[in-house]
Every structure is written in C-alpha cells, then in structure tokens.
Amino acid sequence: MKELVEVIAKALVDQPDEVVVTQKESGKTITVELKVAPADMGKVIGKQGRIAKAIRSVVKAASSKDNKKVDVEII
C-alpha cells in the first residue's frame, strides 16, 4: 500500500522529492502516513477533500483482497 500511495502522491505534487510515505501495521489495520511539502498540501487534499477521498478509495479497493483495513493519513 505504501508504494501505491507514493506513486499517486508524486504524480500530483510539484515537489515529488519531498513526498514521504510511512506505513505502520497493527493487527488487521495498516496506517499509511503521507507527508508532502506545505506548498503541495492543497494539491493532495483537493477542493473539499475530494482528491484525498479518492486516494483513500483507491487504497481501500486495493487492500480489500488482503482482508485488512487501511487508513491513509495526510500529515
């Protein structure tokens, strides 16, 4: 899941070098933390959070085959 979020985020931002994705796993829950440059925060969140919601939907669909819950946090 980490790689998927990283590829999506790097495609959206102006400064792909500053994209940092970390993954923490606890039980059946995986938490993916996405950090981007402050100037790129709006591009990742989108108007009314639409892009962030789309990222979470794609990751949720990709994780459904693993029977694990994935939370994407944008920091």
PDB file of N, CA and C in Angstrom:
ATOM      1  N   MET A   1       0.815  -1.194   0.000  1.00  0.00           N
ATOM      2  CA  MET A   1       0.000   0.000   0.000  1.00  0.00           C
ATOM      3  C   MET A   1       0.861   1.261   0.000  1.00  0.00           C
ATOM      4  N   LYS A   2       2.001   1.157   0.644  1.00  0.00           N
ATOM      5  CA  LYS A   2       2.910   2.306   0.729  1.00  0.00           C
ATOM      6  C   LYS A   2       3.324   2.766  -0.674  1.00  0.00           C
ATOM      7  N   GLU A   3       3.656   1.827  -1.526  1.00  0.00           N
ATOM      8  CA  GLU A   3       4.118   2.168  -2.867  1.00  0.00           C
ATOM      9  C   GLU A   3       3.000   2.801  -3.688  1.00  0.00           C
ATOM     10  N   LEU A   4       1.781   2.306  -3.523  1.00  0.00           N
ATOM     11  CA  LEU A   4       0.639   2.845  -4.255  1.00  0.00           C
ATOM     12  C   LEU A   4       0.391   4.306  -3.886  1.00  0.00           C
ATOM     13  N   VAL A   5       0.394   4.608  -2.599  1.00  0.00           N
ATOM     14  CA  VAL A   5       0.177   5.980  -2.144  1.00  0.00           C
ATOM     15  C   VAL A   5       1.310   6.884  -2.618  1.00  0.00           C
ATOM     16  N   GLU A   6       2.529   6.372  -2.596  1.00  0.00           N
ATOM     17  CA  GLU A   6       3.680   7.161  -3.021  1.00  0.00           C
ATOM     18  C   GLU A   6       3.604   7.520  -4.501  1.00  0.00           C
ATOM     19  N   VAL A   7       3.221   6.573  -5.342  1.00  0.00           N
ATOM     20  CA  VAL A   7       3.117   6.826  -6.781  1.00  0.00           C
ATOM     21  C   VAL A   7       2.027   7.855  -7.070  1.00  0.00           C
ATOM     22  N   ILE A   8       0.896   7.716  -6.410  1.00  0.00           N
ATOM     23  CA  ILE A   8      -0.210   8.658  -6.617  1.00  0.00           C
ATOM     24  C   ILE A   8       0.193  10.060  -6.172  1.00  0.00           C
ATOM     25  N   ALA A   9       0.801  10.166  -4.997  1.00  0.00           N
ATOM     26  CA  ALA A   9       1.169  11.473  -4.454  1.00  0.00           C
ATOM     27  C   ALA A   9       2.230  12.157  -5.308  1.00  0.00           C
ATOM     28  N   LYS A  10       3.218  11.414  -5.761  1.00  0.00           N
ATOM     29  CA  LYS A  10       4.285  12.009  -6.568  1.00  0.00           C
ATOM     30  C   LYS A  10       3.753  12.526  -7.904  1.00  0.00           C
ATOM     31  N   ALA A  11       2.692  11.898  -8.412  1.00  0.00           N
ATOM     32  CA  ALA A  11       2.104  12.357  -9.665  1.00  0.00           C
ATOM     33  C   ALA A  11       1.325  13.660  -9.482  1.00  0.00           C
ATOM     34  N   LEU A  12       0.874  13.926  -8.271  1.00  0.00           N
ATOM     35  CA  LEU A  12       0.045  15.105  -8.017  1.00  0.00           C
ATOM     36  C   LEU A  12       0.828  16.364  -7.672  1.00  0.00           C
ATOM     37  N   VAL A  13       1.970  16.227  -7.014  1.00  0.00           N
ATOM     38  CA  VAL A  13       2.660  17.378  -6.438  1.00  0.00           C
ATOM     39  C   VAL A  13       3.695  17.983  -7.387  1.00  0.00           C
ATOM     40  N   ASP A  14       4.114  19.231  -7.051  1.00  0.00           N
ATOM     41  CA  ASP A  14       5.169  19.909  -7.814  1.00  0.00           C
ATOM     42  C   ASP A  14       6.562  19.518  -7.329  1.00  0.00           C
ATOM     43  N   GLN A  15       6.668  19.102  -6.074  1.00  0.00           N
ATOM     44  CA  GLN A  15       7.958  18.729  -5.486  1.00  0.00           C
ATOM     45  C   GLN A  15       7.928  17.248  -5.068  1.00  0.00           C
ATOM     46  N   PRO A  16       8.083  16.343  -6.024  1.00  0.00           N
ATOM     47  CA  PRO A  16       7.980  14.913  -5.685  1.00  0.00           C
ATOM     48  C   PRO A  16       9.110  14.409  -4.783  1.00  0.00           C
ATOM     49  N   ASP A  17      10.208  15.160  -4.703  1.00  0.00           N
ATOM     50  CA  ASP A  17      11.310  14.735  -3.838  1.00  0.00           C
ATOM     51  C   ASP A  17      10.937  14.825  -2.359  1.00  0.00           C
ATOM     52  N   GLU A  18       9.969  15.664  -2.029  1.00  0.00           N
ATOM     53  CA  GLU A  18       9.595  15.868  -0.626  1.00  0.00           C
ATOM     54  C   GLU A  18       8.439  14.982  -0.176  1.00  0.00           C
ATOM     55  N   VAL A  19       8.009  14.060  -1.015  1.00  0.00           N
ATOM     56  CA  VAL A  19       6.944  13.127  -0.635  1.00  0.00           C
ATOM     57  C   VAL A  19       7.552  12.022   0.220  1.00  0.00           C
ATOM     58  N   VAL A  20       7.000  11.854   1.432  1.00  0.00           N
ATOM     59  CA  VAL A  20       7.466  10.810   2.343  1.00  0.00           C
ATOM     60  C   VAL A  20       6.255   9.986   2.764  1.00  0.00           C
ATOM     61  N   VAL A  21       6.334   8.680   2.567  1.00  0.00           N
ATOM     62  CA  VAL A  21       5.242   7.788   2.939  1.00  0.00           C
ATOM     63  C   VAL A  21       5.774   6.756   3.923  1.00  0.00           C
ATOM     64  N   THR A  22       5.099   6.649   5.074  1.00  0.00           N
ATOM     65  CA  THR A  22       5.470   5.644   6.062  1.00  0.00           C
ATOM     66  C   THR A  22       4.268   4.739   6.299  1.00  0.00           C
ATOM     67  N   GLN A  23       4.554   3.504   6.664  1.00  0.00           N
ATOM     68  CA  GLN A  23       3.491   2.520   6.874  1.00  0.00           C
ATOM     69  C   GLN A  23       3.675   1.856   8.219  1.00  0.00           C
ATOM     70  N   LYS A  24       2.607   1.834   9.019  1.00  0.00           N
ATOM     71  CA  LYS A  24       2.618   1.174  10.326  1.00  0.00           C
ATOM     72  C   LYS A  24       1.533   0.115  10.320  1.00  0.00           C
ATOM     73  N   GLU A  25       1.865  -1.046  10.831  1.00  0.00           N
ATOM     74  CA  GLU A  25       0.912  -2.144  10.819  1.00  0.00           C
ATOM     75  C   GLU A  25       0.633  -2.602  12.242  1.00  0.00           C
ATOM     76  N   SER A  26      -0.649  -2.711  12.587  1.00  0.00           N
ATOM     77  CA  SER A  26      -1.027  -3.224  13.902  1.00  0.00           C
ATOM     78  C   SER A  26      -2.261  -4.099  13.733  1.00  0.00           C
ATOM     79  N   GLY A  27      -2.069  -5.384  13.870  1.00  0.00           N
ATOM     80  CA  GLY A  27      -3.174  -6.320  13.694  1.00  0.00           C
ATOM     81  C   GLY A  27      -3.663  -6.341  12.262  1.00  0.00           C
ATOM     82  N   LYS A  28      -4.966  -6.099  12.090  1.00  0.00           N
ATOM     83  CA  LYS A  28      -5.543  -6.083  10.746  1.00  0.00           C
ATOM     84  C   LYS A  28      -5.656  -4.670  10.205  1.00  0.00           C
ATOM     85  N   THR A  29      -5.040  -3.711  10.877  1.00  0.00           N
ATOM     86  CA  THR A  29      -5.110  -2.321  10.437  1.00  0.00           C
ATOM     87  C   THR A  29      -3.734  -1.847  10.001  1.00  0.00           C
ATOM     88  N   ILE A  30      -3.684  -1.224   8.833  1.00  0.00           N
ATOM     89  CA  ILE A  30      -2.458  -0.623   8.316  1.00  0.00           C
ATOM     90  C   ILE A  30      -2.691   0.875   8.243  1.00  0.00           C
ATOM     91  N   THR A  31      -1.776   1.638   8.829  1.00  0.00           N
ATOM     92  CA  THR A  31      -1.863   3.095   8.756  1.00  0.00           C
ATOM     93  C   THR A  31      -0.762   3.592   7.834  1.00  0.00           C
ATOM     94  N   VAL A  32      -1.158   4.301   6.781  1.00  0.00           N
ATOM     95  CA  VAL A  32      -0.213   4.867   5.826  1.00  0.00           C
ATOM     96  C   VAL A  32      -0.217   6.376   6.033  1.00  0.00           C
ATOM     97  N   GLU A  33       0.946   6.923   6.376  1.00  0.00           N
ATOM     98  CA  GLU A  33       1.075   8.362   6.602  1.00  0.00           C
ATOM     99  C   GLU A  33       1.757   8.996   5.402  1.00  0.00           C
ATOM    100  N   LEU A  34       1.144  10.053   4.869  1.00  0.00           N
ATOM    101  CA  LEU A  34       1.652  10.758   3.703  1.00  0.00           C
ATOM    102  C   LEU A  34       2.056  12.164   4.110  1.00  0.00           C
ATOM    103  N   LYS A  35       3.324  12.498   3.879  1.00  0.00           N
ATOM    104  CA  LYS A  35       3.818  13.845   4.157  1.00  0.00           C
ATOM    105  C   LYS A  35       4.285  14.461   2.849  1.00  0.00           C
ATOM    106  N   VAL A  36       3.832  15.690   2.606  1.00  0.00           N
ATOM    107  CA  VAL A  36       4.240  16.417   1.405  1.00  0.00           C
ATOM    108  C   VAL A  36       4.699  17.806   1.820  1.00  0.00           C
ATOM    109  N   ALA A  37       5.293  18.524   0.875  1.00  0.00           N
ATOM    110  CA  ALA A  37       5.714  19.902   1.139  1.00  0.00           C
ATOM    111  C   ALA A  37       4.476  20.745   1.440  1.00  0.00           C
ATOM    112  N   PRO A  38       4.613  21.741   2.325  1.00  0.00           N
ATOM    113  CA  PRO A  38       3.459  22.591   2.664  1.00  0.00           C
ATOM    114  C   PRO A  38       2.800  23.241   1.443  1.00  0.00           C
ATOM    115  N   ALA A  39       3.586  23.586   0.439  1.00  0.00           N
ATOM    116  CA  ALA A  39       3.033  24.211  -0.761  1.00  0.00           C
ATOM    117  C   ALA A  39       2.183  23.225  -1.576  1.00  0.00           C
ATOM    118  N   ASP A  40       2.432  21.936  -1.426  1.00  0.00           N
ATOM    119  CA  ASP A  40       1.713  20.917  -2.189  1.00  0.00           C
ATOM    120  C   ASP A  40       0.531  20.321  -1.428  1.00  0.00           C
ATOM    121  N   MET A  41       0.315  20.758  -0.206  1.00  0.00           N
ATOM    122  CA  MET A  41      -0.746  20.189   0.618  1.00  0.00           C
ATOM    123  C   MET A  41      -2.116  20.331  -0.055  1.00  0.00           C
ATOM    124  N   GLY A  42      -2.378  21.473  -0.639  1.00  0.00           N
ATOM    125  CA  GLY A  42      -3.665  21.697  -1.296  1.00  0.00           C
ATOM    126  C   GLY A  42      -3.887  20.794  -2.492  1.00  0.00           C
ATOM    127  N   LYS A  43      -2.819  20.461  -3.193  1.00  0.00           N
ATOM    128  CA  LYS A  43      -2.933  19.586  -4.358  1.00  0.00           C
ATOM    129  C   LYS A  43      -3.283  18.161  -3.953  1.00  0.00           C
ATOM    130  N   VAL A  44      -2.803  17.746  -2.797  1.00  0.00           N
ATOM    131  CA  VAL A  44      -3.065  16.386  -2.333  1.00  0.00           C
ATOM    132  C   VAL A  44      -4.459  16.284  -1.703  1.00  0.00           C
ATOM    133  N   ILE A  45      -4.900  17.343  -1.042  1.00  0.00           N
ATOM    134  CA  ILE A  45      -6.214  17.316  -0.396  1.00  0.00           C
ATOM    135  C   ILE A  45      -7.318  17.624  -1.403  1.00  0.00           C
ATOM    136  N   GLY A  46      -7.128  18.636  -2.229  1.00  0.00           N
ATOM    137  CA  GLY A  46      -8.120  18.986  -3.237  1.00  0.00           C
ATOM    138  C   GLY A  46      -9.262  19.793  -2.662  1.00  0.00           C
ATOM    139  N   LYS A  47     -10.115  20.293  -3.535  1.00  0.00           N
ATOM    140  CA  LYS A  47     -11.270  21.079  -3.097  1.00  0.00           C
ATOM    141  C   LYS A  47     -12.229  20.180  -2.323  1.00  0.00           C
ATOM    142  N   GLN A  48     -12.560  20.623  -1.135  1.00  0.00           N
ATOM    143  CA  GLN A  48     -13.454  19.902  -0.226  1.00  0.00           C
ATOM    144  C   GLN A  48     -12.976  18.476   0.045  1.00  0.00           C
ATOM    145  N   GLY A  49     -11.668  18.237  -0.082  1.00  0.00           N
ATOM    146  CA  GLY A  49     -11.094  16.936   0.234  1.00  0.00           C
ATOM    147  C   GLY A  49     -11.369  15.852  -0.783  1.00  0.00           C
ATOM    148  N   ARG A  50     -11.716  16.240  -1.989  1.00  0.00           N
ATOM    149  CA  ARG A  50     -12.090  15.242  -2.998  1.00  0.00           C
ATOM    150  C   ARG A  50     -10.924  14.362  -3.425  1.00  0.00           C
ATOM    151  N   ILE A  51      -9.745  14.944  -3.593  1.00  0.00           N
ATOM    152  CA  ILE A  51      -8.589  14.140  -4.020  1.00  0.00           C
ATOM    153  C   ILE A  51      -8.159  13.206  -2.900  1.00  0.00           C
ATOM    154  N   ALA A  52      -8.160  13.705  -1.662  1.00  0.00           N
ATOM    155  CA  ALA A  52      -7.817  12.859  -0.515  1.00  0.00           C
ATOM    156  C   ALA A  52      -8.794  11.692  -0.407  1.00  0.00           C
ATOM    157  N   LYS A  53     -10.064  11.965  -0.623  1.00  0.00           N
ATOM    158  CA  LYS A  53     -11.086  10.913  -0.565  1.00  0.00           C
ATOM    159  C   LYS A  53     -10.860   9.896  -1.685  1.00  0.00           C
ATOM    160  N   ALA A  54     -10.475  10.376  -2.871  1.00  0.00           N
ATOM    161  CA  ALA A  54     -10.215   9.477  -3.993  1.00  0.00           C
ATOM    162  C   ALA A  54      -9.006   8.584  -3.712  1.00  0.00           C
ATOM    163  N   ILE A  55      -7.959   9.165  -3.119  1.00  0.00           N
ATOM    164  CA  ILE A  55      -6.773   8.369  -2.762  1.00  0.00           C
ATOM    165  C   ILE A  55      -7.170   7.270  -1.781  1.00  0.00           C
ATOM    166  N   ARG A  56      -7.955   7.646  -0.776  1.00  0.00           N
ATOM    167  CA  ARG A  56      -8.391   6.660   0.221  1.00  0.00           C
ATOM    168  C   ARG A  56      -9.254   5.569  -0.419  1.00  0.00           C
ATOM    169  N   SER A  57     -10.091   5.923  -1.382  1.00  0.00           N
ATOM    170  CA  SER A  57     -10.945   4.937  -2.049  1.00  0.00           C
ATOM    171  C   SER A  57     -10.121   3.938  -2.857  1.00  0.00           C
ATOM    172  N   VAL A  58      -9.120   4.439  -3.568  1.00  0.00           N
ATOM    173  CA  VAL A  58      -8.256   3.553  -4.357  1.00  0.00           C
ATOM    174  C   VAL A  58      -7.486   2.601  -3.451  1.00  0.00           C
ATOM    175  N   VAL A  59      -6.956   3.118  -2.361  1.00  0.00           N
ATOM    176  CA  VAL A  59      -6.199   2.275  -1.429  1.00  0.00           C
ATOM    177  C   VAL A  59      -7.118   1.252  -0.767  1.00  0.00           C
ATOM    178  N   LYS A  60      -8.330   1.664  -0.426  1.00  0.00           N
ATOM    179  CA  LYS A  60      -9.286   0.740   0.185  1.00  0.00           C
ATOM    180  C   LYS A  60      -9.633  -0.393  -0.777  1.00  0.00           C
ATOM    181  N   ALA A  61      -9.829  -0.053  -2.047  1.00  0.00           N
ATOM    182  CA  ALA A  61     -10.136  -1.072  -3.049  1.00  0.00           C
ATOM    183  C   ALA A  61      -8.963  -2.035  -3.234  1.00  0.00           C
ATOM    184  N   ALA A  62      -7.753  -1.498  -3.212  1.00  0.00           N
ATOM    185  CA  ALA A  62      -6.570  -2.342  -3.388  1.00  0.00           C
ATOM    186  C   ALA A  62      -6.331  -3.243  -2.176  1.00  0.00           C
ATOM    187  N   SER A  63      -6.748  -2.799  -0.997  1.00  0.00           N
ATOM    188  CA  SER A  63      -6.496  -3.581   0.212  1.00  0.00           C
ATOM    189  C   SER A  63      -7.599  -4.585   0.505  1.00  0.00           C
ATOM    190  N   SER A  64      -8.696  -4.531  -0.213  1.00  0.00           N
ATOM    191  CA  SER A  64      -9.823  -5.425   0.078  1.00  0.00           C
ATOM    192  C   SER A  64      -9.459  -6.894  -0.135  1.00  0.00           C
ATOM    193  N   LYS A  65      -8.546  -7.175  -1.050  1.00  0.00           N
ATOM    194  CA  LYS A  65      -8.165  -8.570  -1.291  1.00  0.00           C
ATOM    195  C   LYS A  65      -7.302  -9.136  -0.169  1.00  0.00           C
ATOM    196  N   ASP A  66      -6.685  -8.253   0.650  1.00  0.00           N
ATOM    197  CA  ASP A  66      -5.833  -8.705   1.758  1.00  0.00           C
ATOM    198  C   ASP A  66      -6.602  -8.844   3.067  1.00  0.00           C
ATOM    199  N   ASN A  67      -7.896  -8.496   3.056  1.00  0.00           N
ATOM    200  CA  ASN A  67      -8.720  -8.512   4.267  1.00  0.00           C
ATOM    201  C   ASN A  67      -8.115  -7.679   5.389  1.00  0.00           C
ATOM    202  N   LYS A  68      -7.562  -6.523   5.038  1.00  0.00           N
ATOM    203  CA  LYS A  68      -7.003  -5.611   6.032  1.00  0.00           C
ATOM    204  C   LYS A  68      -7.598  -4.233   5.828  1.00  0.00           C
ATOM    205  N   LYS A  69      -7.730  -3.493   6.923  1.00  0.00           N
ATOM    206  CA  LYS A  69      -8.249  -2.132   6.853  1.00  0.00           C
ATOM    207  C   LYS A  69      -7.069  -1.189   6.731  1.00  0.00           C
ATOM    208  N   VAL A  70      -7.141  -0.271   5.778  1.00  0.00           N
ATOM    209  CA  VAL A  70      -6.053   0.668   5.558  1.00  0.00           C
ATOM    210  C   VAL A  70      -6.558   2.076   5.781  1.00  0.00           C
ATOM    211  N   ASP A  71      -5.864   2.816   6.654  1.00  0.00           N
ATOM    212  CA  ASP A  71      -6.155   4.225   6.892  1.00  0.00           C
ATOM    213  C   ASP A  71      -5.059   5.051   6.261  1.00  0.00           C
ATOM    214  N   VAL A  72      -5.428   6.061   5.470  1.00  0.00           N
ATOM    215  CA  VAL A  72      -4.454   6.974   4.872  1.00  0.00           C
ATOM    216  C   VAL A  72      -4.571   8.295   5.596  1.00  0.00           C
ATOM    217  N   GLU A  73      -3.472   8.723   6.224  1.00  0.00           N
ATOM    218  CA  GLU A  73      -3.437   9.989   6.932  1.00  0.00           C
ATOM    219  C   GLU A  73      -2.515  10.951   6.205  1.00  0.00           C
ATOM    220  N   ILE A  74      -3.007  12.137   5.924  1.00  0.00           N
ATOM    221  CA  ILE A  74      -2.196  13.168   5.268  1.00  0.00           C
ATOM    222  C   ILE A  74      -1.715  14.115   6.351  1.00  0.00           C
ATOM    223  N   ILE A  75      -0.406  14.173   6.506  1.00  0.00           N
ATOM    224  CA  ILE A  75       0.187  14.974   7.589  1.00  0.00           C
ATOM    225  C   ILE A  75       0.847  16.207   7.016  1.00  0.00           C
TER     226      ILE A  75
END
